[in-house]
N, C-alpha and C. Protein backbone atom coordinates (compact mmCIF):
# COMPACT_ATOMS: atom_id res chain seq x y z
N MET A 1 26.19 17.71 -31.38
CA MET A 1 25.72 19.24 -31.27
C MET A 1 25.33 19.34 -29.64
N GLU A 2 25.51 20.68 -29.32
CA GLU A 2 25.28 20.90 -27.77
C GLU A 2 23.98 21.25 -27.53
N ALA A 3 23.00 20.54 -26.35
CA ALA A 3 21.83 21.09 -26.20
C ALA A 3 21.83 22.28 -26.05
N LEU A 4 20.78 22.96 -26.49
CA LEU A 4 20.44 24.12 -26.00
C LEU A 4 19.71 24.44 -24.62
N SER A 5 20.28 25.26 -23.77
CA SER A 5 19.87 25.49 -22.52
C SER A 5 18.76 26.40 -22.22
N LEU A 6 17.71 26.07 -21.50
CA LEU A 6 16.04 27.33 -21.27
C LEU A 6 16.65 28.03 -19.99
N ARG A 7 17.54 27.77 -19.18
CA ARG A 7 17.90 28.22 -18.22
C ARG A 7 18.64 29.57 -18.07
N PRO A 8 17.96 30.80 -17.73
CA PRO A 8 18.65 32.09 -17.99
C PRO A 8 19.96 32.28 -17.07
N ARG A 9 20.72 33.01 -17.75
CA ARG A 9 22.06 33.06 -17.03
C ARG A 9 21.94 33.88 -15.74
N PRO A 10 22.82 33.98 -14.97
CA PRO A 10 22.69 34.46 -13.58
C PRO A 10 22.77 36.14 -14.02
N GLU A 11 23.75 36.79 -14.75
CA GLU A 11 23.56 37.98 -15.18
C GLU A 11 21.88 38.62 -15.54
N MET A 12 21.30 37.23 -16.32
CA MET A 12 19.71 37.78 -17.18
C MET A 12 18.98 37.95 -15.55
N VAL A 13 19.17 36.63 -14.76
CA VAL A 13 18.27 36.75 -13.50
C VAL A 13 18.43 38.08 -12.54
N TYR A 14 19.72 38.61 -12.31
CA TYR A 14 20.09 39.64 -11.73
C TYR A 14 19.24 41.10 -12.50
N SER A 15 19.48 41.13 -13.75
CA SER A 15 18.98 42.02 -14.48
C SER A 15 17.25 42.47 -14.32
N MET A 16 16.67 41.11 -14.51
CA MET A 16 15.37 41.08 -14.46
C MET A 16 15.06 41.41 -12.86
N LYS A 17 15.61 41.05 -12.24
CA LYS A 17 15.09 41.19 -10.47
C LYS A 17 15.38 42.83 -10.65
N LEU A 18 16.39 43.24 -11.05
CA LEU A 18 16.61 44.92 -10.61
C LEU A 18 15.71 45.83 -11.68
N SER A 19 15.41 45.36 -12.68
CA SER A 19 14.41 46.19 -13.67
C SER A 19 12.83 45.86 -12.58
N VAL A 20 12.57 44.91 -12.15
CA VAL A 20 11.18 44.78 -11.29
C VAL A 20 11.14 45.35 -10.06
N THR A 21 12.63 45.60 -9.42
CA THR A 21 12.87 46.27 -8.27
C THR A 21 12.59 47.68 -8.39
N ILE A 22 13.21 48.08 -9.55
CA ILE A 22 13.09 49.38 -9.99
C ILE A 22 11.55 49.78 -10.27
N PHE A 23 11.00 49.06 -10.71
CA PHE A 23 9.33 49.06 -11.22
C PHE A 23 8.53 49.63 -9.93
N ALA A 24 8.95 48.39 -8.96
CA ALA A 24 8.21 48.58 -8.08
C ALA A 24 8.42 49.63 -7.14
N LEU A 25 9.69 50.47 -6.93
CA LEU A 25 10.04 51.32 -6.06
C LEU A 25 9.35 52.36 -6.97
N ALA A 26 9.23 52.60 -8.11
CA ALA A 26 8.64 53.72 -9.10
C ALA A 26 7.48 53.64 -8.83
N LEU A 27 6.60 52.57 -8.76
CA LEU A 27 5.37 52.75 -8.37
C LEU A 27 4.58 52.80 -7.11
N MET A 28 5.59 52.82 -6.18
CA MET A 28 5.15 53.10 -4.58
C MET A 28 5.39 54.35 -4.69
N ALA A 29 6.52 54.97 -5.35
CA ALA A 29 6.77 56.81 -5.05
C ALA A 29 5.62 57.24 -5.96
N PHE A 30 5.40 56.84 -7.08
CA PHE A 30 4.12 57.66 -8.07
C PHE A 30 2.35 57.55 -6.72
N SER A 31 2.58 56.17 -6.25
CA SER A 31 1.44 56.27 -5.37
C SER A 31 1.42 57.07 -4.36
N SER A 32 2.66 57.00 -3.57
CA SER A 32 2.50 57.95 -2.34
C SER A 32 2.52 59.51 -2.66
N ILE A 33 3.14 59.99 -4.19
CA ILE A 33 2.61 61.26 -4.76
C ILE A 33 1.44 61.28 -4.78
N ALA A 34 0.76 60.79 -5.54
CA ALA A 34 -0.89 60.72 -5.98
C ALA A 34 -1.54 60.69 -4.77
N SER A 35 -1.44 60.17 -3.60
CA SER A 35 -2.08 60.16 -2.34
C SER A 35 -1.87 61.58 -1.51
N ALA A 36 -0.77 61.74 -1.74
CA ALA A 36 -0.37 63.29 -0.99
C ALA A 36 -0.97 64.02 -1.59
N ALA A 37 -1.13 64.23 -3.01
CA ALA A 37 -1.60 65.12 -3.70
C ALA A 37 -3.32 65.09 -3.72
N GLN A 38 -3.57 64.26 -3.25
CA GLN A 38 -5.37 64.57 -3.20
C GLN A 38 -5.68 65.42 -2.50
N LYS A 39 -6.49 66.37 -3.03
CA LYS A 39 -6.92 67.35 -2.28
C LYS A 39 -8.24 67.25 -0.97
N PRO A 40 -7.98 67.72 0.16
CA PRO A 40 -8.87 66.98 1.28
C PRO A 40 -10.12 68.36 1.12
N ASP A 41 -11.36 67.70 0.99
CA ASP A 41 -12.80 68.30 1.03
C ASP A 41 -13.07 69.06 2.57
N LEU A 42 -12.73 70.55 2.50
CA LEU A 42 -12.95 70.95 3.81
C LEU A 42 -14.27 70.78 4.15
N SER A 43 -15.34 70.61 3.18
CA SER A 43 -16.78 70.67 3.76
C SER A 43 -16.62 69.12 4.61
N ASP A 44 -15.99 68.44 4.62
CA ASP A 44 -16.03 67.02 5.25
C ASP A 44 -15.35 67.44 6.47
N LEU A 45 -14.55 68.10 6.76
CA LEU A 45 -13.71 68.67 7.76
C LEU A 45 -14.50 69.32 9.01
N ASP A 46 -14.03 69.41 9.93
CA ASP A 46 -14.74 69.95 11.25
C ASP A 46 -14.40 71.48 11.68
N THR A 47 -14.68 72.31 10.75
CA THR A 47 -14.30 73.57 10.51
C THR A 47 -14.91 74.51 11.77
N LYS A 48 -15.79 74.16 12.34
CA LYS A 48 -16.27 74.80 13.52
C LYS A 48 -15.14 74.66 14.76
N ASN A 49 -14.38 73.57 14.99
CA ASN A 49 -13.26 73.49 15.86
C ASN A 49 -12.24 74.34 15.41
N LEU A 50 -12.26 74.38 14.36
CA LEU A 50 -10.80 75.27 13.54
C LEU A 50 -11.13 76.75 13.93
N TYR A 51 -12.05 77.04 13.53
CA TYR A 51 -12.65 78.66 13.70
C TYR A 51 -12.55 79.24 15.06
N GLN A 52 -13.02 78.06 16.23
CA GLN A 52 -12.86 78.60 17.37
C GLN A 52 -11.51 78.45 17.92
N GLN A 53 -10.64 77.54 17.30
CA GLN A 53 -9.08 77.75 17.53
C GLN A 53 -8.71 78.77 17.62
N ILE A 54 -8.97 79.51 15.93
CA ILE A 54 -8.47 80.97 15.53
C ILE A 54 -8.99 81.96 16.42
N ASP A 55 -10.54 81.97 16.89
CA ASP A 55 -10.82 82.98 17.32
C ASP A 55 -10.43 83.11 18.84
N GLN A 56 -10.04 82.02 19.75
CA GLN A 56 -9.23 82.01 20.73
C GLN A 56 -7.99 82.93 20.60
N TRP A 57 -7.42 82.87 19.72
CA TRP A 57 -5.86 83.56 19.48
C TRP A 57 -6.34 84.89 19.06
N LEU A 58 -7.22 85.20 18.64
CA LEU A 58 -7.47 86.61 17.95
C LEU A 58 -8.50 87.46 18.83
N ASP A 59 -9.11 86.94 19.59
CA ASP A 59 -9.67 87.55 20.37
C ASP A 59 -9.19 87.95 21.45
N ARG A 60 -8.09 88.85 21.51
CA ARG A 60 -7.50 89.20 22.50
C ARG A 60 -7.00 90.85 22.22
N GLU A 61 -6.67 91.36 23.45
CA GLU A 61 -6.38 92.79 23.62
C GLU A 61 -5.11 93.01 22.70
N ILE A 62 -4.35 92.53 22.76
CA ILE A 62 -3.06 92.89 21.80
C ILE A 62 -3.56 92.89 20.38
N VAL A 63 -4.26 92.21 20.10
CA VAL A 63 -4.74 92.58 18.46
C VAL A 63 -5.61 93.08 18.52
N SER A 64 -6.44 93.81 19.01
CA SER A 64 -7.84 94.75 19.01
C SER A 64 -6.77 96.17 19.22
N MET A 65 -5.82 96.28 20.35
CA MET A 65 -5.19 97.53 20.48
C MET A 65 -4.14 97.82 19.21
N SER A 66 -3.67 96.53 18.58
CA SER A 66 -2.44 97.28 17.75
C SER A 66 -3.35 97.50 16.66
N ILE A 67 -4.41 96.63 15.99
CA ILE A 67 -5.47 97.19 14.88
C ILE A 67 -6.01 98.51 15.13
N GLU A 68 -6.29 99.10 16.43
CA GLU A 68 -7.36 100.42 16.74
C GLU A 68 -5.97 101.42 16.76
N ALA A 69 -4.81 101.05 17.21
CA ALA A 69 -3.94 102.30 17.14
C ALA A 69 -3.18 102.50 15.77
N GLN A 70 -3.15 101.58 14.74
CA GLN A 70 -3.06 101.72 13.49
C GLN A 70 -3.99 102.39 12.56
N ASN A 71 -5.18 101.87 12.95
CA ASN A 71 -6.41 102.85 12.39
C ASN A 71 -6.48 104.19 12.60
N LYS A 72 -5.97 104.45 14.09
CA LYS A 72 -5.98 105.81 14.20
C LYS A 72 -4.71 106.88 13.58
N ARG A 73 -3.79 105.82 13.39
CA ARG A 73 -2.62 106.44 12.68
C ARG A 73 -2.70 106.71 11.14
N TYR A 74 -3.25 105.75 10.69
CA TYR A 74 -3.30 105.79 9.25
C TYR A 74 -4.95 106.22 8.70
N GLY A 75 -5.48 106.99 9.76
CA GLY A 75 -7.05 107.03 9.46
C GLY A 75 -7.33 107.81 8.41
N THR A 76 -6.28 109.06 8.10
CA THR A 76 -6.53 110.16 7.24
C THR A 76 -5.62 109.86 5.82
N LEU A 77 -5.40 108.37 5.73
CA LEU A 77 -4.44 108.44 4.61
C LEU A 77 -5.47 108.32 3.10
N THR A 78 -4.61 109.03 2.07
CA THR A 78 -5.45 108.98 0.82
C THR A 78 -5.24 107.64 0.09
N GLN A 79 -5.57 107.19 -0.84
CA GLN A 79 -5.47 106.17 -1.76
C GLN A 79 -4.25 106.17 -2.51
N GLN A 80 -3.63 107.53 -2.68
CA GLN A 80 -2.19 107.49 -3.12
C GLN A 80 -1.30 107.35 -2.02
N GLN A 81 -1.71 107.49 -1.11
CA GLN A 81 -0.84 107.35 0.21
C GLN A 81 -0.53 105.92 0.53
N ILE A 82 -1.86 105.33 0.42
CA ILE A 82 -1.70 103.65 0.76
C ILE A 82 -0.71 103.04 -0.75
N THR A 83 -1.22 103.45 -1.76
CA THR A 83 -0.50 102.84 -2.78
C THR A 83 1.25 103.05 -2.58
N ASP A 84 1.49 104.39 -2.13
CA ASP A 84 3.05 104.49 -2.17
C ASP A 84 3.35 103.51 -0.82
N LEU A 85 2.69 103.62 0.30
CA LEU A 85 3.28 102.40 1.23
C LEU A 85 3.21 101.06 0.71
N ASP A 86 2.32 100.61 -0.03
CA ASP A 86 2.52 99.33 -0.60
C ASP A 86 3.53 99.29 -1.79
N ASN A 87 3.99 100.06 -2.64
CA ASN A 87 5.54 100.27 -3.26
C ASN A 87 6.30 100.26 -2.53
N LYS A 88 6.35 100.91 -1.58
CA LYS A 88 7.91 101.12 -0.63
C LYS A 88 7.92 99.42 -0.07
N TRP A 89 6.94 98.84 0.45
CA TRP A 89 7.10 97.62 0.86
C TRP A 89 7.72 96.81 -0.06
N ARG A 90 6.97 96.69 -1.51
CA ARG A 90 7.37 95.86 -2.31
C ARG A 90 8.77 96.08 -2.85
N THR A 91 9.09 97.25 -2.75
CA THR A 91 10.68 97.68 -3.21
C THR A 91 11.63 97.15 -2.25
N GLU A 92 10.98 97.27 -0.63
CA GLU A 92 11.91 96.88 0.47
C GLU A 92 11.98 95.14 0.58
N ASN A 93 11.19 94.60 -0.41
CA ASN A 93 11.20 93.13 -0.33
C ASN A 93 12.87 93.05 -1.16
N GLU A 94 12.95 93.73 -1.95
CA GLU A 94 14.20 93.33 -3.08
C GLU A 94 15.36 94.19 -2.54
N GLN A 95 15.42 94.63 -1.44
CA GLN A 95 16.63 95.31 -0.78
C GLN A 95 17.06 94.77 0.65
N GLU A 96 18.24 95.08 1.11
CA GLU A 96 18.61 94.63 2.42
C GLU A 96 17.96 95.69 3.26
N ASP A 97 17.94 96.99 3.08
CA ASP A 97 17.53 98.15 3.88
C ASP A 97 15.99 97.76 3.97
N LYS A 98 15.30 97.53 4.91
CA LYS A 98 13.91 97.10 4.94
C LYS A 98 13.10 97.68 6.35
N PRO A 99 13.10 99.22 6.61
CA PRO A 99 12.61 99.67 7.59
C PRO A 99 11.23 99.52 7.65
N LEU A 100 10.31 99.69 6.57
CA LEU A 100 8.90 99.42 6.77
C LEU A 100 8.62 98.10 7.28
N ILE A 101 9.28 97.23 6.65
CA ILE A 101 9.08 95.95 6.75
C ILE A 101 9.77 95.40 7.96
N SER A 102 10.52 95.94 8.69
CA SER A 102 11.20 95.38 9.86
C SER A 102 10.48 95.98 10.90
N ALA A 103 9.88 97.14 10.95
CA ALA A 103 8.96 97.88 11.86
C ALA A 103 7.91 97.19 12.02
N THR A 104 7.30 96.40 11.26
CA THR A 104 6.08 95.73 11.18
C THR A 104 6.23 94.10 11.79
N LEU A 105 7.43 93.73 11.20
CA LEU A 105 7.57 92.26 11.54
C LEU A 105 8.12 92.08 13.44
N SER A 106 8.58 93.23 13.65
CA SER A 106 9.33 93.58 15.14
C SER A 106 8.37 93.98 16.01
N SER A 107 7.04 94.39 15.40
CA SER A 107 5.65 94.97 16.50
C SER A 107 5.24 93.71 17.43
N PRO A 108 4.78 94.18 18.45
CA PRO A 108 4.61 93.18 19.35
C PRO A 108 3.23 92.24 18.94
N LEU A 109 2.25 92.70 18.12
CA LEU A 109 1.49 91.78 17.59
C LEU A 109 2.24 90.68 16.49
N SER A 110 3.22 91.11 15.75
CA SER A 110 3.82 90.05 14.73
C SER A 110 4.42 89.05 15.51
N VAL A 111 5.19 89.47 16.99
CA VAL A 111 5.70 88.60 17.63
C VAL A 111 4.64 87.36 18.22
N TYR A 112 3.25 87.71 18.39
CA TYR A 112 2.10 87.20 19.34
C TYR A 112 2.03 86.21 18.03
N LEU A 113 1.63 86.54 16.85
CA LEU A 113 1.39 85.93 15.57
C LEU A 113 2.20 85.01 15.06
N SER A 114 3.70 85.39 15.25
CA SER A 114 4.44 83.93 15.18
C SER A 114 4.39 83.23 16.46
N ARG A 115 3.96 83.47 17.47
CA ARG A 115 4.15 82.50 18.52
C ARG A 115 2.45 81.67 18.12
N MET A 116 1.54 82.09 17.81
CA MET A 116 0.31 81.74 17.32
C MET A 116 0.59 80.53 16.50
N GLN A 117 1.43 80.89 15.22
CA GLN A 117 1.72 80.07 14.30
C GLN A 117 2.80 78.74 14.66
N GLY A 118 3.92 79.15 15.58
CA GLY A 118 4.54 78.26 16.24
C GLY A 118 3.65 77.17 16.97
N GLN A 119 3.05 77.57 18.12
CA GLN A 119 2.20 76.62 18.77
C GLN A 119 0.87 75.96 18.15
N SER A 120 0.92 76.26 16.97
CA SER A 120 -0.25 75.25 16.15
C SER A 120 0.63 74.24 15.74
N TYR A 121 1.95 73.93 15.97
CA TYR A 121 2.44 72.65 15.59
C TYR A 121 2.41 72.53 14.11
N GLY A 122 2.64 73.39 13.20
CA GLY A 122 2.23 73.09 11.67
C GLY A 122 0.71 73.34 10.83
N LEU A 123 -0.16 73.63 11.70
CA LEU A 123 -1.47 73.79 11.49
C LEU A 123 -1.40 75.14 10.70
N PHE A 124 -1.05 76.12 11.31
CA PHE A 124 -1.09 77.40 10.59
C PHE A 124 0.31 77.87 10.10
N VAL A 125 0.19 77.99 8.64
CA VAL A 125 1.44 78.25 7.97
C VAL A 125 1.77 79.72 7.64
N GLU A 126 0.52 80.66 7.64
CA GLU A 126 1.25 82.05 7.75
C GLU A 126 -0.29 82.62 8.40
N ILE A 127 0.10 83.95 9.04
CA ILE A 127 -0.99 84.86 9.82
C ILE A 127 -0.52 86.31 9.41
N PHE A 128 -1.76 86.77 8.93
CA PHE A 128 -1.69 88.24 9.18
C PHE A 128 -2.94 89.26 9.28
N VAL A 129 -2.44 89.93 10.05
CA VAL A 129 -3.90 90.84 10.32
C VAL A 129 -3.93 92.43 9.85
N MET A 130 -5.14 92.89 9.37
CA MET A 130 -5.11 94.01 8.59
C MET A 130 -5.97 95.04 9.10
N ASP A 131 -5.79 96.25 9.18
CA ASP A 131 -6.32 97.41 9.72
C ASP A 131 -7.66 97.78 8.81
N ASN A 132 -8.51 98.69 9.53
CA ASN A 132 -9.55 98.76 8.53
C ASN A 132 -9.50 99.55 7.08
N LYS A 133 -8.22 99.61 6.45
CA LYS A 133 -7.95 99.87 5.19
C LYS A 133 -7.30 98.61 4.52
N GLY A 134 -7.31 97.81 5.07
CA GLY A 134 -6.40 96.64 4.60
C GLY A 134 -4.63 96.30 4.24
N LEU A 135 -4.51 97.42 5.46
CA LEU A 135 -2.80 97.65 5.71
C LEU A 135 -2.45 96.48 6.73
N ASN A 136 -1.49 95.88 6.55
CA ASN A 136 -0.82 95.00 7.45
C ASN A 136 -0.53 95.45 8.79
N VAL A 137 -1.31 95.04 9.78
CA VAL A 137 -0.87 95.67 11.30
C VAL A 137 0.27 94.66 11.90
N GLY A 138 0.38 93.23 11.61
CA GLY A 138 1.30 92.11 11.99
C GLY A 138 1.04 91.03 11.42
N GLN A 139 1.88 90.36 11.43
CA GLN A 139 2.32 89.01 10.65
C GLN A 139 3.70 88.32 10.99
N SER A 140 2.98 86.96 10.68
CA SER A 140 4.21 85.80 11.33
C SER A 140 5.41 85.75 10.32
N SER A 141 5.08 86.26 9.21
CA SER A 141 6.04 86.20 8.09
C SER A 141 5.94 87.03 7.17
N ILE A 142 7.07 87.41 6.33
CA ILE A 142 6.96 88.50 5.47
C ILE A 142 6.12 88.24 3.86
N THR A 143 5.01 89.20 3.98
CA THR A 143 4.15 89.06 2.60
C THR A 143 4.81 89.74 1.49
N SER A 144 4.35 89.43 0.34
CA SER A 144 4.44 90.30 -0.92
C SER A 144 4.47 91.57 -1.13
N ASP A 145 3.33 91.99 -0.15
CA ASP A 145 2.55 93.36 -0.47
C ASP A 145 2.27 93.70 1.17
N PHE A 146 1.93 94.98 1.00
CA PHE A 146 1.64 95.50 2.56
C PHE A 146 0.13 95.90 2.42
N TRP A 147 -0.38 96.21 1.48
CA TRP A 147 -1.98 96.57 1.34
C TRP A 147 -2.73 95.22 0.70
N GLN A 148 -3.61 95.07 1.62
CA GLN A 148 -4.53 93.69 1.07
C GLN A 148 -6.04 94.19 0.62
N GLY A 149 -6.20 95.36 0.76
CA GLY A 149 -7.43 96.54 0.33
C GLY A 149 -8.21 95.98 -1.01
N ASP A 150 -6.88 95.56 -1.87
CA ASP A 150 -7.72 95.33 -3.13
C ASP A 150 -7.88 93.70 -3.77
N GLU A 151 -8.00 93.10 -2.48
CA GLU A 151 -7.74 91.28 -2.79
C GLU A 151 -9.23 90.99 -1.88
N ALA A 152 -9.56 89.62 -2.28
CA ALA A 152 -10.86 89.05 -1.90
C ALA A 152 -10.71 88.94 -0.09
N LYS A 153 -9.39 88.88 0.21
CA LYS A 153 -9.48 88.37 1.66
C LYS A 153 -9.53 89.65 2.34
N PHE A 154 -9.77 90.81 2.12
CA PHE A 154 -10.25 91.97 2.65
C PHE A 154 -11.67 92.15 2.15
N GLN A 155 -11.76 92.12 0.72
CA GLN A 155 -13.27 92.83 0.37
C GLN A 155 -14.48 91.71 0.57
N LYS A 156 -13.79 90.57 0.90
CA LYS A 156 -14.90 89.62 1.09
C LYS A 156 -15.17 89.53 2.74
N THR A 157 -14.29 90.19 3.44
CA THR A 157 -14.75 90.01 4.97
C THR A 157 -15.25 91.32 5.52
N TYR A 158 -13.87 92.01 5.73
CA TYR A 158 -14.46 93.36 6.43
C TYR A 158 -15.37 94.34 5.74
N GLU A 159 -15.32 94.13 4.23
CA GLU A 159 -16.39 95.00 3.52
C GLU A 159 -17.65 94.43 3.15
N VAL A 160 -17.73 92.96 3.75
CA VAL A 160 -19.08 92.51 3.70
C VAL A 160 -19.70 92.82 5.00
N SER A 161 -19.03 92.12 6.09
CA SER A 161 -20.28 92.43 7.52
C SER A 161 -19.01 91.89 8.62
N PRO A 162 -19.28 92.33 10.22
CA PRO A 162 -18.45 92.08 11.01
C PRO A 162 -18.20 90.53 11.58
N ASP A 163 -19.08 89.64 10.70
CA ASP A 163 -18.84 88.20 11.30
C ASP A 163 -18.74 87.38 10.11
N ALA A 164 -18.23 88.39 9.00
CA ALA A 164 -17.70 87.51 7.54
C ALA A 164 -16.71 86.53 7.86
N ILE A 165 -16.78 85.57 7.09
CA ILE A 165 -15.51 84.56 7.00
C ILE A 165 -15.56 84.17 5.35
N PHE A 166 -14.42 84.28 4.77
CA PHE A 166 -14.38 84.00 3.41
C PHE A 166 -13.03 82.76 3.27
N VAL A 167 -13.51 81.82 2.69
CA VAL A 167 -12.42 80.43 2.63
C VAL A 167 -11.98 80.50 1.05
N ASP A 168 -10.92 80.65 0.84
CA ASP A 168 -10.55 80.49 -0.61
C ASP A 168 -10.13 79.35 -1.01
N GLU A 169 -10.15 79.02 -2.16
CA GLU A 169 -9.67 78.12 -3.01
C GLU A 169 -8.46 77.26 -2.39
N PRO A 170 -8.43 76.00 -1.72
CA PRO A 170 -7.06 75.31 -1.66
C PRO A 170 -6.17 75.25 -2.61
N GLU A 171 -4.92 75.48 -2.38
CA GLU A 171 -3.72 75.59 -3.48
C GLU A 171 -2.43 74.36 -3.32
N TRP A 172 -2.08 73.44 -3.82
CA TRP A 172 -1.08 72.77 -3.61
C TRP A 172 0.23 73.49 -3.58
N ASP A 173 1.10 73.38 -2.59
CA ASP A 173 2.29 73.72 -2.55
C ASP A 173 3.23 72.56 -2.51
N GLU A 174 4.10 72.65 -3.87
CA GLU A 174 4.72 71.48 -4.36
C GLU A 174 6.19 71.44 -3.71
N ASN A 175 6.49 72.71 -3.16
CA ASN A 175 7.89 72.43 -2.35
C ASN A 175 7.90 71.97 -1.24
N ILE A 176 6.57 71.91 -0.31
CA ILE A 176 6.70 71.37 0.66
C ILE A 176 5.75 69.97 0.81
N GLY A 177 5.03 69.89 -0.29
CA GLY A 177 4.10 68.68 -0.48
C GLY A 177 2.77 68.60 0.26
N ILE A 178 2.15 69.88 0.22
CA ILE A 178 0.69 69.92 1.17
C ILE A 178 -0.14 71.13 0.40
N TRP A 179 -1.37 70.77 0.85
CA TRP A 179 -2.53 71.31 0.36
C TRP A 179 -2.95 72.85 1.21
N ARG A 180 -2.72 73.96 1.04
CA ARG A 180 -2.93 74.82 1.68
C ARG A 180 -4.13 75.81 1.63
N VAL A 181 -5.12 76.45 2.31
CA VAL A 181 -6.00 77.34 2.40
C VAL A 181 -6.08 78.32 3.11
N GLN A 182 -6.73 79.59 2.83
CA GLN A 182 -6.49 80.71 3.55
C GLN A 182 -7.89 81.01 4.07
N VAL A 183 -8.02 80.85 5.30
CA VAL A 183 -9.17 81.44 5.82
C VAL A 183 -9.08 82.97 6.33
N ASN A 184 -10.06 83.67 5.92
CA ASN A 184 -9.99 85.13 5.75
C ASN A 184 -11.14 85.47 6.80
N LYS A 185 -11.26 86.19 8.04
CA LYS A 185 -12.20 87.04 8.63
C LYS A 185 -12.50 88.37 9.04
N SER A 186 -13.43 88.68 9.35
CA SER A 186 -13.68 90.32 9.97
C SER A 186 -12.84 90.09 11.24
N LEU A 187 -12.86 91.23 11.86
CA LEU A 187 -12.13 91.15 13.49
C LEU A 187 -13.05 92.16 14.19
N ARG A 188 -13.61 91.78 15.18
CA ARG A 188 -14.07 92.99 16.06
C ARG A 188 -13.45 93.08 17.22
N ASN A 189 -13.75 94.35 17.98
CA ASN A 189 -12.81 94.73 19.31
C ASN A 189 -13.73 93.40 20.06
N PRO A 190 -13.34 92.72 20.90
CA PRO A 190 -14.06 91.55 21.89
C PRO A 190 -14.63 92.41 22.62
N LYS A 191 -14.47 93.60 23.11
CA LYS A 191 -15.31 94.11 24.17
C LYS A 191 -16.52 95.09 23.61
N THR A 192 -16.11 95.99 22.56
CA THR A 192 -17.09 96.66 22.11
C THR A 192 -17.77 96.19 20.75
N LYS A 193 -17.24 95.19 20.50
CA LYS A 193 -17.93 94.15 19.25
C LYS A 193 -17.93 95.46 17.67
N GLU A 194 -17.07 96.17 17.88
CA GLU A 194 -16.75 97.35 16.77
C GLU A 194 -16.07 96.37 16.00
N LEU A 195 -16.70 96.34 14.48
CA LEU A 195 -15.45 96.00 13.44
C LEU A 195 -14.35 96.71 13.28
N ILE A 196 -13.23 96.36 13.43
CA ILE A 196 -12.30 97.20 13.35
C ILE A 196 -11.23 96.55 12.10
N GLY A 197 -10.93 95.43 12.04
CA GLY A 197 -9.82 94.77 10.81
C GLY A 197 -10.50 93.30 10.21
N ALA A 198 -9.23 93.01 9.58
CA ALA A 198 -9.72 91.44 9.28
C ALA A 198 -8.41 90.90 9.18
N ALA A 199 -8.33 89.48 9.12
CA ALA A 199 -7.05 88.62 9.38
C ALA A 199 -7.34 87.43 8.43
N THR A 200 -6.26 87.13 7.94
CA THR A 200 -5.80 85.80 7.21
C THR A 200 -4.96 85.10 7.94
N ILE A 201 -5.14 83.52 8.04
CA ILE A 201 -4.93 82.51 8.51
C ILE A 201 -4.84 81.59 7.37
N GLU A 202 -3.42 81.24 7.08
CA GLU A 202 -3.20 80.01 6.02
C GLU A 202 -2.99 78.87 6.76
N VAL A 203 -3.94 77.72 6.32
CA VAL A 203 -4.20 76.45 7.35
C VAL A 203 -3.48 75.34 6.07
N ASN A 204 -2.49 74.84 6.93
CA ASN A 204 -1.94 73.29 6.30
C ASN A 204 -3.37 72.46 6.37
N LEU A 205 -3.81 72.63 5.33
CA LEU A 205 -5.16 71.68 4.87
C LEU A 205 -4.88 69.97 5.04
N THR A 206 -3.72 69.74 4.59
CA THR A 206 -3.10 68.21 4.56
C THR A 206 -3.02 67.84 6.12
N GLU A 207 -2.43 69.03 6.77
CA GLU A 207 -2.16 68.47 8.48
C GLU A 207 -3.46 68.42 9.34
N PHE A 208 -4.43 69.60 8.75
CA PHE A 208 -5.95 69.30 9.13
C PHE A 208 -6.47 68.33 8.74
N ALA A 209 -6.50 67.78 8.08
CA ALA A 209 -7.18 66.54 7.44
C ALA A 209 -6.87 65.35 8.12
N ARG A 210 -5.34 65.40 8.22
CA ARG A 210 -4.82 64.48 9.22
C ARG A 210 -5.10 64.23 10.32
N ARG A 211 -5.19 65.16 11.32
CA ARG A 211 -5.46 65.16 12.54
C ARG A 211 -7.13 64.91 12.88
N GLN A 212 -8.07 65.34 11.64
CA GLN A 212 -9.39 64.93 11.92
C GLN A 212 -9.42 63.39 11.72
N GLN A 213 -8.62 62.99 10.63
CA GLN A 213 -8.57 61.52 10.63
C GLN A 213 -8.38 60.88 11.84
N LEU A 214 -6.99 61.31 12.52
CA LEU A 214 -6.87 60.82 13.77
C LEU A 214 -7.72 60.76 14.82
N ALA A 215 -8.37 61.84 14.99
CA ALA A 215 -9.31 61.68 16.10
C ALA A 215 -10.56 60.77 16.16
N SER A 216 -10.77 60.56 14.59
CA SER A 216 -11.92 59.88 14.47
C SER A 216 -11.95 58.35 14.76
N LYS A 217 -10.61 58.11 15.00
CA LYS A 217 -10.21 56.88 14.93
C LYS A 217 -10.59 55.90 16.54
C-alpha cells in the first residue's frame, strides 16, 4: 500500500501563495483608501496662515475695481432680472454657445483668479468672487449657477458683516480622492474699507493638512 504523502503539491503551494498575495494587496489598498478618506480636522490646522494667504491675493485693486464696476452695472436689477440672468447661465451650461459664461471667464478678474489657483500648486481648487447681489464677477472655473445670493456662502458673509468668514462643512471628492472645504468671506475695498462683495475659495483640505504636517516635522 502506497504511503500517504503530507507534502502539498507544487500547484497547491502556488495557489496558496497567490491567495495570500492577493489578500495582502487588497488589505493594503483598503488601508490606503481608509487613510486617504480620513477627514482632516480644520480646527487642528493653522487657518490664520491660510486666511492671510487668501487676503494677500484678494486685497488687490483688480478685485475691488471689478466688483465695484459690476455693482454699478447691475445696481438697479430687480430680483426677477437676477433670476433671469441665473437661468440664462444655467441654460448656457448645457449649450455650445455661452456668451454670458464666456464674457465672465474671459474677464481680467477671472484670469487673475485662475492665476491665483494655479500658483497655489493644488491648494485652491476653485475660486469665485461675487458682487453685492451675489452675482459672479470673476471665477477660476465654470460654476453651475451665476447667482449665489440664495446660498449660505453669500448670506453668511456679505449679509452678516464686512469681516465675516463662513467655513462650510468639508466634502469628500471621490473623483480625485481629496477632502474639499469652502472658505467664504466678505470683501472690502482695501482703501475705503467699504463692504463691496464676497468670495468663495474652495480649499484642498487634504493638501492643506499634508503641508501643515510636513511643516511641523
